[in-house]
Amino acid sequence: MKCVYAEFFDKILIAIKFTVLRDGEVIATYPVAEITQEQLIKDMVNRNSESLDIRKETKILDEVILQAEHVSCDKMVKDVSFALHKGEILGFYGLVGSGRTEMIRALLGIDPLKSGVVTYKGKQVRFKNIRESMKAGLVLIPEERRKQGLVMNMSIRKNASLTKLKNFSRLGFIDQKKEKESILKSKDNLQLACASIENSAGSLSGGNQQKVVLAKFIDMPVDIYIFDEPTRGIDVGAKSEIYSLIERISGEGASVIIISSEIPEVQSICDRIAIMKEGEVVKILQPDEFRNAETILKYSIGG
């Protein structure tokens, strides 16, 4: 007997029977001949998510700050087009292998862009590396915050200062008093729970670690915040705090991109949701379209 692991409806048709897994649990097992795409979607959706508080506020999306047209890179991203508006929270949802993170990495210059046009604040750009995109005002809050966003054995203060040391430097020396005052201000602003900013970042909970990553960019001229799986590994209570911070960032005029594999997350916080499948944006949903989680999954698995 052979097993095939698949996330797209057409891929399971080669099997005799299949099993639906959700959150590490077996939900159902069917003969392939008896299953429909509609039934599969219902089994994949967590029905408890239907009670989620869907984003109700309707924003006026006017000024476009970032636009991608027919962007591709390597094999993972084939043809991606979207527009991000000033103050908008735009979600990117897709199953594993859909190319969400790879697309963002190419836009930021982390990985090479193969083709397509990227327009940022009215000008065509092609960033060579992440330092260049960060200097331009685009910052990435990575999924692997413990590996890519923080130095775990370094203090909270030093982590939060990494991106803005020049603000505290004079003649090659760090003004530690000025640095400490700035980080304490960020601590209060982000409601960071820690006994001391001299404690290591590794001593914090997942939610507070995410706040330290954010603190690195507070007081910097940022136009676009990109969150890759913003609440991965964070408890339910801390999730709401992160969502509130993202809402506040948007409310202050910055634009936000959320890359997430959690349907309730993109439903609750995003103004629009771009659905990615096999390296392409197959649909961009408006709020009245993504209230039903089954609609999101329909486009994700091949509807």
C-alpha atoms as a PDB file:
ATOM      1  CA  MET A   1       0.000   0.000   0.000  1.00  0.00           C
ATOM      2  CA  LYS A   2       1.199   3.506  -0.828  1.00  0.00           C
ATOM      3  CA  CYS A   3       0.221   6.793   0.853  1.00  0.00           C
ATOM      4  CA  VAL A   4      -0.124  10.134  -0.916  1.00  0.00           C
ATOM      5  CA  TYR A   5      -0.208  13.406   1.040  1.00  0.00           C
ATOM      6  CA  ALA A   6      -2.146  16.086  -0.835  1.00  0.00           C
ATOM      7  CA  GLU A   7      -3.734  19.485  -0.285  1.00  0.00           C
ATOM      8  CA  PHE A   8      -5.499  19.954  -3.621  1.00  0.00           C
ATOM      9  CA  PHE A   9      -8.717  18.192  -4.567  1.00  0.00           C
ATOM     10  CA  ASP A  10      -7.546  16.906  -7.944  1.00  0.00           C
ATOM     11  CA  LYS A  11      -4.481  15.249  -6.378  1.00  0.00           C
ATOM     12  CA  ILE A  12      -6.529  12.856  -4.212  1.00  0.00           C
ATOM     13  CA  LEU A  13      -8.371  11.406  -7.209  1.00  0.00           C
ATOM     14  CA  ILE A  14      -5.533   8.957  -7.842  1.00  0.00           C
ATOM     15  CA  ALA A  15      -6.256   7.238  -4.505  1.00  0.00           C
ATOM     16  CA  ILE A  16      -8.852   4.627  -3.556  1.00  0.00           C
ATOM     17  CA  LYS A  17      -9.729   6.217  -0.237  1.00  0.00           C
ATOM     18  CA  PHE A  18      -8.505   9.211   1.730  1.00  0.00           C
ATOM     19  CA  THR A  19      -8.471  10.626   5.248  1.00  0.00           C
ATOM     20  CA  VAL A  20      -9.077  14.270   6.230  1.00  0.00           C
ATOM     21  CA  LEU A  21      -6.769  15.668   8.925  1.00  0.00           C
ATOM     22  CA  ARG A  22      -7.336  18.955  10.756  1.00  0.00           C
ATOM     23  CA  ASP A  23      -5.235  20.326  13.613  1.00  0.00           C
ATOM     24  CA  GLY A  24      -3.509  16.975  14.012  1.00  0.00           C
ATOM     25  CA  GLU A  25      -6.724  14.964  14.323  1.00  0.00           C
ATOM     26  CA  VAL A  26      -8.448  12.522  11.983  1.00  0.00           C
ATOM     27  CA  ILE A  27     -11.779  14.062  10.949  1.00  0.00           C
ATOM     28  CA  ALA A  28     -13.121  11.532   8.449  1.00  0.00           C
ATOM     29  CA  THR A  29     -12.189   8.748   6.010  1.00  0.00           C
ATOM     30  CA  TYR A  30     -13.952   8.256   2.649  1.00  0.00           C
ATOM     31  CA  PRO A  31     -13.694   6.197  -0.523  1.00  0.00           C
ATOM     32  CA  VAL A  32     -12.593   8.645  -3.226  1.00  0.00           C
ATOM     33  CA  ALA A  33     -15.510   7.602  -5.432  1.00  0.00           C
ATOM     34  CA  GLU A  34     -17.988   8.881  -2.834  1.00  0.00           C
ATOM     35  CA  ILE A  35     -16.514  12.291  -1.971  1.00  0.00           C
ATOM     36  CA  THR A  36     -17.369  15.686  -3.422  1.00  0.00           C
ATOM     37  CA  GLN A  37     -15.313  18.830  -3.184  1.00  0.00           C
ATOM     38  CA  GLU A  38     -18.095  20.456  -1.146  1.00  0.00           C
ATOM     39  CA  GLN A  39     -17.993  17.690   1.489  1.00  0.00           C
ATOM     40  CA  LEU A  40     -14.209  17.822   1.618  1.00  0.00           C
ATOM     41  CA  ILE A  41     -14.289  21.569   2.286  1.00  0.00           C
ATOM     42  CA  LYS A  42     -16.825  21.153   5.085  1.00  0.00           C
ATOM     43  CA  ASP A  43     -14.590  18.587   6.771  1.00  0.00           C
ATOM     44  CA  MET A  44     -11.511  20.775   6.403  1.00  0.00           C
ATOM     45  CA  VAL A  45     -13.166  23.848   7.909  1.00  0.00           C
ATOM     46  CA  ASN A  46     -13.269  24.214  11.673  1.00  0.00           C
ATOM     47  CA  ARG A  47     -16.936  24.895  12.291  1.00  0.00           C
ATOM     48  CA  ASN A  48     -16.069  26.761  15.493  1.00  0.00           C
ATOM     49  CA  SER A  49     -14.489  29.446  13.344  1.00  0.00           C
ATOM     50  CA  GLU A  50     -17.933  30.431  12.078  1.00  0.00           C
ATOM     51  CA  SER A  51     -18.565  32.218  15.362  1.00  0.00           C
ATOM     52  CA  LEU A  52     -15.470  34.359  14.875  1.00  0.00           C
ATOM     53  CA  ASP A  53     -15.904  38.115  14.931  1.00  0.00           C
ATOM     54  CA  ILE A  54     -15.428  38.972  11.268  1.00  0.00           C
ATOM     55  CA  ARG A  55     -13.957  42.401  10.505  1.00  0.00           C
ATOM     56  CA  LYS A  56     -16.928  44.748  10.147  1.00  0.00           C
ATOM     57  CA  GLU A  57     -15.400  48.156   9.433  1.00  0.00           C
ATOM     58  CA  THR A  58     -15.331  49.063   5.750  1.00  0.00           C
ATOM     59  CA  LYS A  59     -12.338  51.156   4.770  1.00  0.00           C
ATOM     60  CA  ILE A  60     -12.127  53.491   1.830  1.00  0.00           C
ATOM     61  CA  LEU A  61      -9.258  52.003  -0.152  1.00  0.00           C
ATOM     62  CA  ASP A  62      -7.974  54.830  -2.294  1.00  0.00           C
ATOM     63  CA  GLU A  63      -4.237  55.393  -2.674  1.00  0.00           C
ATOM     64  CA  VAL A  64      -2.251  52.396  -3.957  1.00  0.00           C
ATOM     65  CA  ILE A  65       1.133  52.197  -2.221  1.00  0.00           C
ATOM     66  CA  LEU A  66       2.404  48.877  -3.620  1.00  0.00           C
ATOM     67  CA  GLN A  67       1.458  47.084  -6.815  1.00  0.00           C
ATOM     68  CA  ALA A  68       2.749  43.810  -8.231  1.00  0.00           C
ATOM     69  CA  GLU A  69       2.009  42.860 -11.832  1.00  0.00           C
ATOM     70  CA  HIS A  70       2.661  39.335 -13.135  1.00  0.00           C
ATOM     71  CA  VAL A  71       5.474  38.707 -10.673  1.00  0.00           C
ATOM     72  CA  SER A  72       7.286  35.367 -10.837  1.00  0.00           C
ATOM     73  CA  CYS A  73      10.355  33.822  -9.225  1.00  0.00           C
ATOM     74  CA  ASP A  74      11.767  30.329  -9.699  1.00  0.00           C
ATOM     75  CA  LYS A  75       9.162  27.537  -9.619  1.00  0.00           C
ATOM     76  CA  MET A  76       7.139  28.532  -6.549  1.00  0.00           C
ATOM     77  CA  VAL A  77       5.733  31.846  -7.817  1.00  0.00           C
ATOM     78  CA  LYS A  78       4.381  31.803 -11.360  1.00  0.00           C
ATOM     79  CA  ASP A  79       2.116  34.820 -11.875  1.00  0.00           C
ATOM     80  CA  VAL A  80       1.181  37.101  -8.981  1.00  0.00           C
ATOM     81  CA  SER A  81      -0.672  40.403  -9.338  1.00  0.00           C
ATOM     82  CA  PHE A  82      -2.170  42.513  -6.541  1.00  0.00           C
ATOM     83  CA  ALA A  83      -2.456  46.072  -5.238  1.00  0.00           C
ATOM     84  CA  LEU A  84      -1.968  47.186  -1.630  1.00  0.00           C
ATOM     85  CA  HIS A  85      -3.624  50.424  -0.526  1.00  0.00           C
ATOM     86  CA  LYS A  86      -2.467  52.925   2.063  1.00  0.00           C
ATOM     87  CA  GLY A  87      -3.773  51.903   5.493  1.00  0.00           C
ATOM     88  CA  GLU A  88      -5.068  48.555   4.219  1.00  0.00           C
ATOM     89  CA  ILE A  89      -4.592  45.178   5.884  1.00  0.00           C
ATOM     90  CA  LEU A  90      -4.280  42.730   2.990  1.00  0.00           C
ATOM     91  CA  GLY A  91      -4.210  39.027   3.783  1.00  0.00           C
ATOM     92  CA  PHE A  92      -2.554  36.286   1.751  1.00  0.00           C
ATOM     93  CA  TYR A  93      -4.010  32.845   2.408  1.00  0.00           C
ATOM     94  CA  GLY A  94      -3.011  29.588   0.798  1.00  0.00           C
ATOM     95  CA  LEU A  95      -2.105  26.013   1.572  1.00  0.00           C
ATOM     96  CA  VAL A  96       1.478  24.811   1.995  1.00  0.00           C
ATOM     97  CA  GLY A  97       3.291  25.202  -1.314  1.00  0.00           C
ATOM     98  CA  SER A  98       1.050  27.994  -2.595  1.00  0.00           C
ATOM     99  CA  GLY A  99       4.006  30.405  -2.791  1.00  0.00           C
ATOM    100  CA  ARG A 100       2.876  33.041  -0.270  1.00  0.00           C
ATOM    101  CA  THR A 101       6.154  33.500   1.598  1.00  0.00           C
ATOM    102  CA  GLU A 102       8.274  32.992  -1.529  1.00  0.00           C
ATOM    103  CA  MET A 103       6.395  35.790  -3.293  1.00  0.00           C
ATOM    104  CA  ILE A 104       7.064  38.238  -0.449  1.00  0.00           C
ATOM    105  CA  ARG A 105      10.733  37.241  -0.232  1.00  0.00           C
ATOM    106  CA  ALA A 106      11.139  38.054  -3.920  1.00  0.00           C
ATOM    107  CA  LEU A 107       9.383  41.416  -3.591  1.00  0.00           C
ATOM    108  CA  LEU A 108      11.682  42.391  -0.707  1.00  0.00           C
ATOM    109  CA  GLY A 109      14.858  41.385  -2.535  1.00  0.00           C
ATOM    110  CA  ILE A 110      15.655  38.386  -0.320  1.00  0.00           C
ATOM    111  CA  ASP A 111      15.298  36.049  -3.301  1.00  0.00           C
ATOM    112  CA  PRO A 112      15.731  37.022  -6.976  1.00  0.00           C
ATOM    113  CA  LEU A 113      12.719  38.245  -8.917  1.00  0.00           C
ATOM    114  CA  LYS A 114      12.485  36.484 -12.277  1.00  0.00           C
ATOM    115  CA  SER A 115       9.915  38.667 -14.043  1.00  0.00           C
ATOM    116  CA  GLY A 116       7.112  41.133 -13.489  1.00  0.00           C
ATOM    117  CA  VAL A 117       6.734  44.760 -12.461  1.00  0.00           C
ATOM    118  CA  VAL A 118       6.698  46.075  -8.882  1.00  0.00           C
ATOM    119  CA  THR A 119       5.576  49.658  -8.273  1.00  0.00           C
ATOM    120  CA  TYR A 120       6.125  51.254  -4.853  1.00  0.00           C
ATOM    121  CA  LYS A 121       4.832  54.748  -4.098  1.00  0.00           C
ATOM    122  CA  GLY A 122       4.401  55.450  -7.796  1.00  0.00           C
ATOM    123  CA  LYS A 123       7.846  54.291  -8.934  1.00  0.00           C
ATOM    124  CA  GLN A 124       8.986  50.996 -10.407  1.00  0.00           C
ATOM    125  CA  VAL A 125      11.387  49.220  -8.050  1.00  0.00           C
ATOM    126  CA  ARG A 126      13.371  46.010  -7.888  1.00  0.00           C
ATOM    127  CA  PHE A 127      15.091  45.647  -4.536  1.00  0.00           C
ATOM    128  CA  LYS A 128      18.486  43.933  -4.551  1.00  0.00           C
ATOM    129  CA  ASN A 129      18.388  42.820  -0.912  1.00  0.00           C
ATOM    130  CA  ILE A 130      16.361  43.178   2.271  1.00  0.00           C
ATOM    131  CA  ARG A 131      18.498  46.069   3.526  1.00  0.00           C
ATOM    132  CA  GLU A 132      17.458  48.050   0.467  1.00  0.00           C
ATOM    133  CA  SER A 133      13.737  47.302   0.898  1.00  0.00           C
ATOM    134  CA  MET A 134      13.911  48.042   4.636  1.00  0.00           C
ATOM    135  CA  LYS A 135      15.592  51.377   3.961  1.00  0.00           C
ATOM    136  CA  ALA A 136      12.761  52.164   1.523  1.00  0.00           C
ATOM    137  CA  GLY A 137      10.159  51.543   4.241  1.00  0.00           C
ATOM    138  CA  LEU A 138       9.114  47.888   3.903  1.00  0.00           C
ATOM    139  CA  VAL A 139       9.788  45.636   6.891  1.00  0.00           C
ATOM    140  CA  LEU A 140       9.268  41.904   7.385  1.00  0.00           C
ATOM    141  CA  ILE A 141       8.165  40.356  10.682  1.00  0.00           C
ATOM    142  CA  PRO A 142       9.275  36.771   9.909  1.00  0.00           C
ATOM    143  CA  GLU A 143       7.499  33.537  10.742  1.00  0.00           C
ATOM    144  CA  GLU A 144      10.587  32.108  12.454  1.00  0.00           C
ATOM    145  CA  ARG A 145      10.967  34.968  14.928  1.00  0.00           C
ATOM    146  CA  ARG A 146      13.233  32.914  17.223  1.00  0.00           C
ATOM    147  CA  LYS A 147      15.687  32.270  14.364  1.00  0.00           C
ATOM    148  CA  GLN A 148      15.199  35.193  11.987  1.00  0.00           C
ATOM    149  CA  GLY A 149      13.756  37.989  14.113  1.00  0.00           C
ATOM    150  CA  LEU A 150      15.604  37.823  17.431  1.00  0.00           C
ATOM    151  CA  VAL A 151      18.910  36.932  19.044  1.00  0.00           C
ATOM    152  CA  MET A 152      17.482  34.792  21.826  1.00  0.00           C
ATOM    153  CA  ASN A 153      20.365  35.036  24.298  1.00  0.00           C
ATOM    154  CA  MET A 154      20.661  38.792  23.836  1.00  0.00           C
ATOM    155  CA  SER A 155      18.779  41.262  26.028  1.00  0.00           C
ATOM    156  CA  ILE A 156      15.416  42.718  25.064  1.00  0.00           C
ATOM    157  CA  ARG A 157      17.044  46.158  24.938  1.00  0.00           C
ATOM    158  CA  LYS A 158      19.787  45.109  22.532  1.00  0.00           C
ATOM    159  CA  ASN A 159      17.372  43.199  20.295  1.00  0.00           C
ATOM    160  CA  ALA A 160      15.012  46.164  20.025  1.00  0.00           C
ATOM    161  CA  SER A 161      17.946  48.482  19.242  1.00  0.00           C
ATOM    162  CA  LEU A 162      19.497  46.426  16.453  1.00  0.00           C
ATOM    163  CA  THR A 163      17.816  48.260  13.575  1.00  0.00           C
ATOM    164  CA  LYS A 164      18.256  51.788  14.935  1.00  0.00           C
ATOM    165  CA  LEU A 165      21.659  51.964  16.618  1.00  0.00           C
ATOM    166  CA  LYS A 166      22.502  55.029  14.543  1.00  0.00           C
ATOM    167  CA  ASN A 167      19.740  56.883  16.422  1.00  0.00           C
ATOM    168  CA  PHE A 168      21.705  56.404  19.650  1.00  0.00           C
ATOM    169  CA  SER A 169      25.236  56.737  18.267  1.00  0.00           C
ATOM    170  CA  ARG A 170      27.526  59.715  18.359  1.00  0.00           C
ATOM    171  CA  LEU A 171      31.175  59.691  17.318  1.00  0.00           C
ATOM    172  CA  GLY A 172      31.125  55.908  17.311  1.00  0.00           C
ATOM    173  CA  PHE A 173      29.753  55.544  20.839  1.00  0.00           C
ATOM    174  CA  ILE A 174      26.290  54.413  21.962  1.00  0.00           C
ATOM    175  CA  ASP A 175      24.373  56.831  24.178  1.00  0.00           C
ATOM    176  CA  GLN A 176      23.028  54.123  26.502  1.00  0.00           C
ATOM    177  CA  LYS A 177      20.762  56.521  28.376  1.00  0.00           C
ATOM    178  CA  LYS A 178      19.064  57.611  25.157  1.00  0.00           C
ATOM    179  CA  GLU A 179      18.854  53.992  24.000  1.00  0.00           C
ATOM    180  CA  LYS A 180      17.272  52.828  27.261  1.00  0.00           C
ATOM    181  CA  GLU A 181      14.721  55.674  27.243  1.00  0.00           C
ATOM    182  CA  SER A 182      13.695  54.786  23.684  1.00  0.00           C
ATOM    183  CA  ILE A 183      13.286  51.066  24.416  1.00  0.00           C
ATOM    184  CA  LEU A 184      11.342  51.729  27.620  1.00  0.00           C
ATOM    185  CA  LYS A 185       9.013  53.949  25.596  1.00  0.00           C
ATOM    186  CA  SER A 186       8.531  51.139  23.072  1.00  0.00           C
ATOM    187  CA  LYS A 187       7.942  48.695  25.940  1.00  0.00           C
ATOM    188  CA  ASP A 188       5.072  50.829  27.243  1.00  0.00           C
ATOM    189  CA  ASN A 189       3.743  51.539  23.750  1.00  0.00           C
ATOM    190  CA  LEU A 190       3.558  47.827  22.899  1.00  0.00           C
ATOM    191  CA  GLN A 191       2.514  46.734  26.397  1.00  0.00           C
ATOM    192  CA  LEU A 192       5.503  44.412  26.549  1.00  0.00           C
ATOM    193  CA  ALA A 193       5.339  42.240  29.671  1.00  0.00           C
ATOM    194  CA  CYS A 194       8.833  41.825  31.117  1.00  0.00           C
ATOM    195  CA  ALA A 195      10.472  42.409  34.482  1.00  0.00           C
ATOM    196  CA  SER A 196      13.410  44.199  32.879  1.00  0.00           C
ATOM    197  CA  ILE A 197      14.522  45.119  29.373  1.00  0.00           C
ATOM    198  CA  GLU A 198      17.881  43.613  30.346  1.00  0.00           C
ATOM    199  CA  ASN A 199      16.314  40.137  30.453  1.00  0.00           C
ATOM    200  CA  SER A 200      17.019  37.897  27.472  1.00  0.00           C
ATOM    201  CA  ALA A 201      14.540  37.713  24.604  1.00  0.00           C
ATOM    202  CA  GLY A 202      14.479  33.955  25.132  1.00  0.00           C
ATOM    203  CA  SER A 203      12.883  34.413  28.549  1.00  0.00           C
ATOM    204  CA  LEU A 204       9.721  35.894  27.031  1.00  0.00           C
ATOM    205  CA  SER A 205       6.489  34.253  25.896  1.00  0.00           C
ATOM    206  CA  GLY A 206       5.803  33.943  22.168  1.00  0.00           C
ATOM    207  CA  GLY A 207       3.498  36.955  22.153  1.00  0.00           C
ATOM    208  CA  ASN A 208       6.024  39.165  23.914  1.00  0.00           C
ATOM    209  CA  GLN A 209       8.808  37.981  21.629  1.00  0.00           C
ATOM    210  CA  GLN A 210       6.685  39.130  18.689  1.00  0.00           C
ATOM    211  CA  LYS A 211       6.349  42.525  20.374  1.00  0.00           C
ATOM    212  CA  VAL A 212      10.142  42.798  20.671  1.00  0.00           C
ATOM    213  CA  VAL A 213      10.451  42.128  16.925  1.00  0.00           C
ATOM    214  CA  LEU A 214       7.944  44.941  16.360  1.00  0.00           C
ATOM    215  CA  ALA A 215       9.877  47.207  18.743  1.00  0.00           C
ATOM    216  CA  LYS A 216      12.819  47.018  16.341  1.00  0.00           C
ATOM    217  CA  PHE A 217      10.816  49.064  13.831  1.00  0.00           C
ATOM    218  CA  ILE A 218       8.934  51.460  16.105  1.00  0.00           C
ATOM    219  CA  ASP A 219      10.034  55.083  15.513  1.00  0.00           C
ATOM    220  CA  MET A 220      11.326  54.152  12.070  1.00  0.00           C
ATOM    221  CA  PRO A 221       9.822  55.498   8.802  1.00  0.00           C
ATOM    222  CA  VAL A 222       7.900  52.345   7.839  1.00  0.00           C
ATOM    223  CA  ASP A 223       5.214  52.405   5.129  1.00  0.00           C
ATOM    224  CA  ILE A 224       4.494  48.669   4.878  1.00  0.00           C
ATOM    225  CA  TYR A 225       4.643  46.024   7.610  1.00  0.00           C
ATOM    226  CA  ILE A 226       4.656  42.422   6.380  1.00  0.00           C
ATOM    227  CA  PHE A 227       3.735  39.778   8.956  1.00  0.00           C
ATOM    228  CA  ASP A 228       4.474  36.151   8.064  1.00  0.00           C
ATOM    229  CA  GLU A 229       2.318  33.934  10.326  1.00  0.00           C
ATOM    230  CA  PRO A 230       2.020  36.716  12.961  1.00  0.00           C
ATOM    231  CA  THR A 231       0.550  34.544  15.725  1.00  0.00           C
ATOM    232  CA  ARG A 232       2.224  31.176  15.072  1.00  0.00           C
ATOM    233  CA  GLY A 233       3.005  29.589  18.450  1.00  0.00           C
ATOM    234  CA  ILE A 234       1.201  32.297  20.419  1.00  0.00           C
ATOM    235  CA  ASP A 235      -1.559  31.592  22.944  1.00  0.00           C
ATOM    236  CA  VAL A 236      -5.131  32.768  22.354  1.00  0.00           C
ATOM    237  CA  GLY A 237      -4.953  35.694  24.782  1.00  0.00           C
ATOM    238  CA  ALA A 238      -1.757  37.058  23.250  1.00  0.00           C
ATOM    239  CA  LYS A 239      -3.196  36.697  19.735  1.00  0.00           C
ATOM    240  CA  SER A 240      -5.794  39.382  20.422  1.00  0.00           C
ATOM    241  CA  GLU A 241      -3.017  41.728  21.589  1.00  0.00           C
ATOM    242  CA  ILE A 242      -1.062  41.182  18.371  1.00  0.00           C
ATOM    243  CA  TYR A 243      -4.225  41.776  16.321  1.00  0.00           C
ATOM    244  CA  SER A 244      -4.840  45.033  18.208  1.00  0.00           C
ATOM    245  CA  LEU A 245      -1.296  46.184  17.466  1.00  0.00           C
ATOM    246  CA  ILE A 246      -1.758  45.400  13.772  1.00  0.00           C
ATOM    247  CA  GLU A 247      -5.049  47.327  13.762  1.00  0.00           C
ATOM    248  CA  ARG A 248      -3.295  50.261  15.404  1.00  0.00           C
ATOM    249  CA  ILE A 249      -0.483  50.228  12.843  1.00  0.00           C
ATOM    250  CA  SER A 250      -3.075  50.331  10.061  1.00  0.00           C
ATOM    251  CA  GLY A 251      -5.050  53.051  11.820  1.00  0.00           C
ATOM    252  CA  GLU A 252      -1.944  55.234  11.971  1.00  0.00           C
ATOM    253  CA  GLY A 253      -1.637  55.110   8.175  1.00  0.00           C
ATOM    254  CA  ALA A 254       0.807  52.283   7.478  1.00  0.00           C
ATOM    255  CA  SER A 255      -0.174  49.404   5.210  1.00  0.00           C
ATOM    256  CA  VAL A 256      -0.020  45.791   6.370  1.00  0.00           C
ATOM    257  CA  ILE A 257       0.350  42.457   4.593  1.00  0.00           C
ATOM    258  CA  ILE A 258      -0.614  39.351   6.579  1.00  0.00           C
ATOM    259  CA  ILE A 259       0.625  35.958   5.362  1.00  0.00           C
ATOM    260  CA  SER A 260      -1.329  33.304   7.227  1.00  0.00           C
ATOM    261  CA  SER A 261      -2.375  29.671   7.070  1.00  0.00           C
ATOM    262  CA  GLU A 262      -5.181  30.289   9.585  1.00  0.00           C
ATOM    263  CA  ILE A 263      -8.561  31.123   8.067  1.00  0.00           C
ATOM    264  CA  PRO A 264      -9.994  32.657  11.283  1.00  0.00           C
ATOM    265  CA  GLU A 265      -6.981  34.962  11.446  1.00  0.00           C
ATOM    266  CA  VAL A 266      -7.353  36.462   7.982  1.00  0.00           C
ATOM    267  CA  GLN A 267     -11.130  36.652   8.412  1.00  0.00           C
ATOM    268  CA  SER A 268     -10.901  38.618  11.634  1.00  0.00           C
ATOM    269  CA  ILE A 269      -8.274  41.209  10.772  1.00  0.00           C
ATOM    270  CA  CYS A 270      -8.013  41.693   6.997  1.00  0.00           C
ATOM    271  CA  ASP A 271      -9.765  44.200   4.739  1.00  0.00           C
ATOM    272  CA  ARG A 272      -9.315  41.906   1.737  1.00  0.00           C
ATOM    273  CA  ILE A 273      -7.909  38.398   1.310  1.00  0.00           C
ATOM    274  CA  ALA A 274      -5.811  37.280  -1.665  1.00  0.00           C
ATOM    275  CA  ILE A 275      -6.046  33.525  -2.208  1.00  0.00           C
ATOM    276  CA  MET A 276      -2.917  31.843  -3.570  1.00  0.00           C
ATOM    277  CA  LYS A 277      -2.746  28.428  -5.192  1.00  0.00           C
ATOM    278  CA  GLU A 278       0.266  26.859  -6.885  1.00  0.00           C
ATOM    279  CA  GLY A 279       2.141  30.151  -7.237  1.00  0.00           C
ATOM    280  CA  GLU A 280      -0.720  32.330  -8.446  1.00  0.00           C
ATOM    281  CA  VAL A 281      -3.269  34.698  -6.917  1.00  0.00           C
ATOM    282  CA  VAL A 282      -6.474  32.977  -8.005  1.00  0.00           C
ATOM    283  CA  LYS A 283      -8.946  35.282  -6.247  1.00  0.00           C
ATOM    284  CA  ILE A 284      -9.059  38.423  -4.109  1.00  0.00           C
ATOM    285  CA  LEU A 285     -12.015  38.328  -1.736  1.00  0.00           C
ATOM    286  CA  GLN A 286     -13.938  41.293  -0.331  1.00  0.00           C
ATOM    287  CA  PRO A 287     -15.320  41.175   3.259  1.00  0.00           C
ATOM    288  CA  ASP A 288     -18.784  40.039   2.188  1.00  0.00           C
ATOM    289  CA  GLU A 289     -17.144  37.176   0.262  1.00  0.00           C
ATOM    290  CA  PHE A 290     -14.842  35.822   2.969  1.00  0.00           C
ATOM    291  CA  ARG A 291     -17.335  35.671   5.839  1.00  0.00           C
ATOM    292  CA  ASN A 292     -17.818  32.003   5.002  1.00  0.00           C
ATOM    293  CA  ALA A 293     -14.641  29.986   5.608  1.00  0.00           C
ATOM    294  CA  GLU A 294     -15.764  27.442   3.037  1.00  0.00           C
ATOM    295  CA  THR A 295     -15.490  30.081   0.301  1.00  0.00           C
ATOM    296  CA  ILE A 296     -11.837  30.668   1.195  1.00  0.00           C
ATOM    297  CA  LEU A 297     -11.068  26.958   1.101  1.00  0.00           C
ATOM    298  CA  LYS A 298     -12.939  26.473  -2.163  1.00  0.00           C
ATOM    299  CA  TYR A 299     -10.516  28.729  -4.003  1.00  0.00           C
ATOM    300  CA  SER A 300      -7.508  27.384  -2.074  1.00  0.00           C
ATOM    301  CA  ILE A 301      -7.953  23.740  -3.007  1.00  0.00           C
ATOM    302  CA  GLY A 302      -9.012  24.278  -6.593  1.00  0.00           C
ATOM    303  CA  GLY A 303     -12.597  25.491  -6.872  1.00  0.00           C
END
